[in-house]
Amino acid sequence: MGKFVITTQKNGEFRFNLKAGNGQIILASESYTGKPACLNGIESVKKNAPLDARYEQKVSKNGKPYFNLKAANGQIIGTSELYESEAAMKNGIESVKKNAPDATIDDQTA
């Protein structure tokens, strides 16, 4: 089962990573100035992850595929790692779809 891991950065801002059952990070958030906003981001990922239309498939400057997960308003709520192939990226999307909706929250900021 997946989990969202909330951490505090050196500048005091919060971010989360969605990890698959094997511990691999499959989605990373932006930085949030407060924990409530970070928690709202997690809820948005849970709600939007099952929807195909929310995934934007991209290619990085060095030619590696990755994806963004967007909220209904078009705002990016999570970004994947860079993948070696389009097939691997598509597997990453499926992993987010599978893991995000029921993922637990591991708050490491407390």
C-alpha atoms as a PDB file:
ATOM      1  CA  MET A   1       0.000   0.000   0.000  1.00  0.00           C
ATOM      2  CA  GLY A   2       1.230   3.477  -0.809  1.00  0.00           C
ATOM      3  CA  LYS A   3       1.837   6.307   1.615  1.00  0.00           C
ATOM      4  CA  PHE A   4       2.269  10.047   1.559  1.00  0.00           C
ATOM      5  CA  VAL A   5       5.367  11.141   3.478  1.00  0.00           C
ATOM      6  CA  ILE A   6       5.296  14.762   4.701  1.00  0.00           C
ATOM      7  CA  THR A   7       8.645  16.404   5.434  1.00  0.00           C
ATOM      8  CA  THR A   8       9.900  19.865   6.359  1.00  0.00           C
ATOM      9  CA  GLN A   9      12.551  21.477   4.188  1.00  0.00           C
ATOM     10  CA  LYS A  10      15.456  23.574   5.465  1.00  0.00           C
ATOM     11  CA  ASN A  11      13.520  26.763   4.696  1.00  0.00           C
ATOM     12  CA  GLY A  12      10.634  25.595   6.913  1.00  0.00           C
ATOM     13  CA  GLU A  13       8.295  24.773   4.044  1.00  0.00           C
ATOM     14  CA  PHE A  14       6.449  21.473   3.734  1.00  0.00           C
ATOM     15  CA  ARG A  15       6.339  18.946   0.905  1.00  0.00           C
ATOM     16  CA  PHE A  16       5.118  15.421   0.388  1.00  0.00           C
ATOM     17  CA  ASN A  17       6.199  12.413  -1.601  1.00  0.00           C
ATOM     18  CA  LEU A  18       3.869   9.606  -2.583  1.00  0.00           C
ATOM     19  CA  LYS A  19       5.684   6.312  -2.142  1.00  0.00           C
ATOM     20  CA  ALA A  20       4.616   2.983  -3.598  1.00  0.00           C
ATOM     21  CA  GLY A  21       4.428  -0.123  -1.424  1.00  0.00           C
ATOM     22  CA  ASN A  22       8.077  -0.880  -2.264  1.00  0.00           C
ATOM     23  CA  GLY A  23       9.168   2.511  -0.889  1.00  0.00           C
ATOM     24  CA  GLN A  24       9.923   4.082  -4.273  1.00  0.00           C
ATOM     25  CA  ILE A  25       8.858   7.721  -4.706  1.00  0.00           C
ATOM     26  CA  ILE A  26       6.292   7.859  -7.500  1.00  0.00           C
ATOM     27  CA  LEU A  27       5.088  11.478  -7.125  1.00  0.00           C
ATOM     28  CA  ALA A  28       6.619  14.575  -5.512  1.00  0.00           C
ATOM     29  CA  SER A  29       4.799  17.758  -4.527  1.00  0.00           C
ATOM     30  CA  GLU A  30       5.713  21.398  -4.745  1.00  0.00           C
ATOM     31  CA  SER A  31       6.695  23.248  -1.571  1.00  0.00           C
ATOM     32  CA  TYR A  32       3.947  24.554   0.690  1.00  0.00           C
ATOM     33  CA  THR A  33       4.340  27.362   3.228  1.00  0.00           C
ATOM     34  CA  GLY A  34       2.029  25.689   5.757  1.00  0.00           C
ATOM     35  CA  LYS A  35       1.082  22.169   6.741  1.00  0.00           C
ATOM     36  CA  PRO A  36      -2.677  22.695   6.093  1.00  0.00           C
ATOM     37  CA  ALA A  37      -1.908  23.583   2.463  1.00  0.00           C
ATOM     38  CA  CYS A  38       0.308  20.485   2.191  1.00  0.00           C
ATOM     39  CA  LEU A  39      -2.523  18.301   3.552  1.00  0.00           C
ATOM     40  CA  ASN A  40      -4.912  19.894   1.028  1.00  0.00           C
ATOM     41  CA  GLY A  41      -2.429  18.960  -1.706  1.00  0.00           C
ATOM     42  CA  ILE A  42      -2.492  15.342  -0.548  1.00  0.00           C
ATOM     43  CA  GLU A  43      -6.300  15.313  -0.612  1.00  0.00           C
ATOM     44  CA  SER A  44      -6.225  16.768  -4.116  1.00  0.00           C
ATOM     45  CA  VAL A  45      -3.836  14.012  -5.275  1.00  0.00           C
ATOM     46  CA  LYS A  46      -6.121  11.346  -3.760  1.00  0.00           C
ATOM     47  CA  LYS A  47      -9.131  12.835  -5.549  1.00  0.00           C
ATOM     48  CA  ASN A  48      -7.482  13.462  -8.943  1.00  0.00           C
ATOM     49  CA  ALA A  49      -5.168  10.431  -9.231  1.00  0.00           C
ATOM     50  CA  PRO A  50      -7.805   8.041 -10.657  1.00  0.00           C
ATOM     51  CA  LEU A  51      -8.694  10.430 -13.518  1.00  0.00           C
ATOM     52  CA  ASP A  52      -6.780   9.900 -16.797  1.00  0.00           C
ATOM     53  CA  ALA A  53      -7.445  13.469 -17.918  1.00  0.00           C
ATOM     54  CA  ARG A  54      -5.464  14.850 -14.949  1.00  0.00           C
ATOM     55  CA  TYR A  55      -2.135  13.427 -16.187  1.00  0.00           C
ATOM     56  CA  GLU A  56       0.059  15.571 -18.412  1.00  0.00           C
ATOM     57  CA  GLN A  57       2.787  13.542 -20.108  1.00  0.00           C
ATOM     58  CA  LYS A  58       5.944  15.523 -20.811  1.00  0.00           C
ATOM     59  CA  VAL A  59       9.526  15.081 -22.007  1.00  0.00           C
ATOM     60  CA  SER A  60      12.425  16.716 -20.154  1.00  0.00           C
ATOM     61  CA  LYS A  61      15.200  18.721 -21.810  1.00  0.00           C
ATOM     62  CA  ASN A  62      17.405  15.624 -21.791  1.00  0.00           C
ATOM     63  CA  GLY A  63      14.724  13.575 -23.566  1.00  0.00           C
ATOM     64  CA  LYS A  64      13.453  11.571 -20.591  1.00  0.00           C
ATOM     65  CA  PRO A  65       9.678  11.193 -20.142  1.00  0.00           C
ATOM     66  CA  TYR A  66       7.878  12.272 -16.966  1.00  0.00           C
ATOM     67  CA  PHE A  67       4.385  13.354 -15.958  1.00  0.00           C
ATOM     68  CA  ASN A  68       2.559  15.971 -13.945  1.00  0.00           C
ATOM     69  CA  LEU A  69      -0.655  15.343 -12.052  1.00  0.00           C
ATOM     70  CA  LYS A  70      -2.949  18.348 -12.241  1.00  0.00           C
ATOM     71  CA  ALA A  71      -5.947  19.455 -10.208  1.00  0.00           C
ATOM     72  CA  ALA A  72      -9.271  20.360 -11.837  1.00  0.00           C
ATOM     73  CA  ASN A  73      -8.112  24.002 -12.016  1.00  0.00           C
ATOM     74  CA  GLY A  74      -5.019  23.011 -14.011  1.00  0.00           C
ATOM     75  CA  GLN A  75      -2.553  23.559 -11.158  1.00  0.00           C
ATOM     76  CA  ILE A  76       0.235  20.975 -10.906  1.00  0.00           C
ATOM     77  CA  ILE A  77      -0.144  19.003  -7.660  1.00  0.00           C
ATOM     78  CA  GLY A  78       2.590  16.453  -8.226  1.00  0.00           C
ATOM     79  CA  THR A  79       5.471  15.599 -10.546  1.00  0.00           C
ATOM     80  CA  SER A  80       7.025  12.220 -11.282  1.00  0.00           C
ATOM     81  CA  GLU A  81      10.643  11.235 -11.549  1.00  0.00           C
ATOM     82  CA  LEU A  82      12.333  11.107 -14.958  1.00  0.00           C
ATOM     83  CA  TYR A  83      11.858   7.749 -16.634  1.00  0.00           C
ATOM     84  CA  GLU A  84      14.053   5.849 -19.078  1.00  0.00           C
ATOM     85  CA  SER A  85      11.153   5.081 -21.429  1.00  0.00           C
ATOM     86  CA  GLU A  86       7.579   6.046 -22.205  1.00  0.00           C
ATOM     87  CA  ALA A  87       6.466   2.576 -21.101  1.00  0.00           C
ATOM     88  CA  ALA A  88       8.114   3.083 -17.706  1.00  0.00           C
ATOM     89  CA  MET A  89       6.383   6.471 -17.371  1.00  0.00           C
ATOM     90  CA  LYS A  90       3.009   4.874 -18.140  1.00  0.00           C
ATOM     91  CA  ASN A  91       3.709   2.283 -15.428  1.00  0.00           C
ATOM     92  CA  GLY A  92       4.428   5.191 -13.071  1.00  0.00           C
ATOM     93  CA  ILE A  93       1.046   6.744 -13.866  1.00  0.00           C
ATOM     94  CA  GLU A  94      -0.673   3.410 -13.189  1.00  0.00           C
ATOM     95  CA  SER A  95       1.203   3.148  -9.890  1.00  0.00           C
ATOM     96  CA  VAL A  96      -0.011   6.600  -8.802  1.00  0.00           C
ATOM     97  CA  LYS A  97      -3.588   5.677  -9.809  1.00  0.00           C
ATOM     98  CA  LYS A  98      -3.348   2.483  -7.748  1.00  0.00           C
ATOM     99  CA  ASN A  99      -1.541   3.830  -4.680  1.00  0.00           C
ATOM    100  CA  ALA A 100      -2.808   7.387  -4.148  1.00  0.00           C
ATOM    101  CA  PRO A 101      -6.540   6.979  -3.368  1.00  0.00           C
ATOM    102  CA  ASP A 102      -6.052   4.780  -0.263  1.00  0.00           C
ATOM    103  CA  ALA A 103      -2.552   5.857   0.749  1.00  0.00           C
ATOM    104  CA  THR A 104      -1.866   6.541   4.409  1.00  0.00           C
ATOM    105  CA  ILE A 105      -0.143   9.717   5.627  1.00  0.00           C
ATOM    106  CA  ASP A 106       3.230   9.502   7.355  1.00  0.00           C
ATOM    107  CA  ASP A 107       3.827  12.933   8.924  1.00  0.00           C
ATOM    108  CA  GLN A 108       7.542  13.223   9.685  1.00  0.00           C
ATOM    109  CA  THR A 109       7.308  16.889  10.702  1.00  0.00           C
ATOM    110  CA  ALA A 110       5.898  16.348  14.182  1.00  0.00           C
END
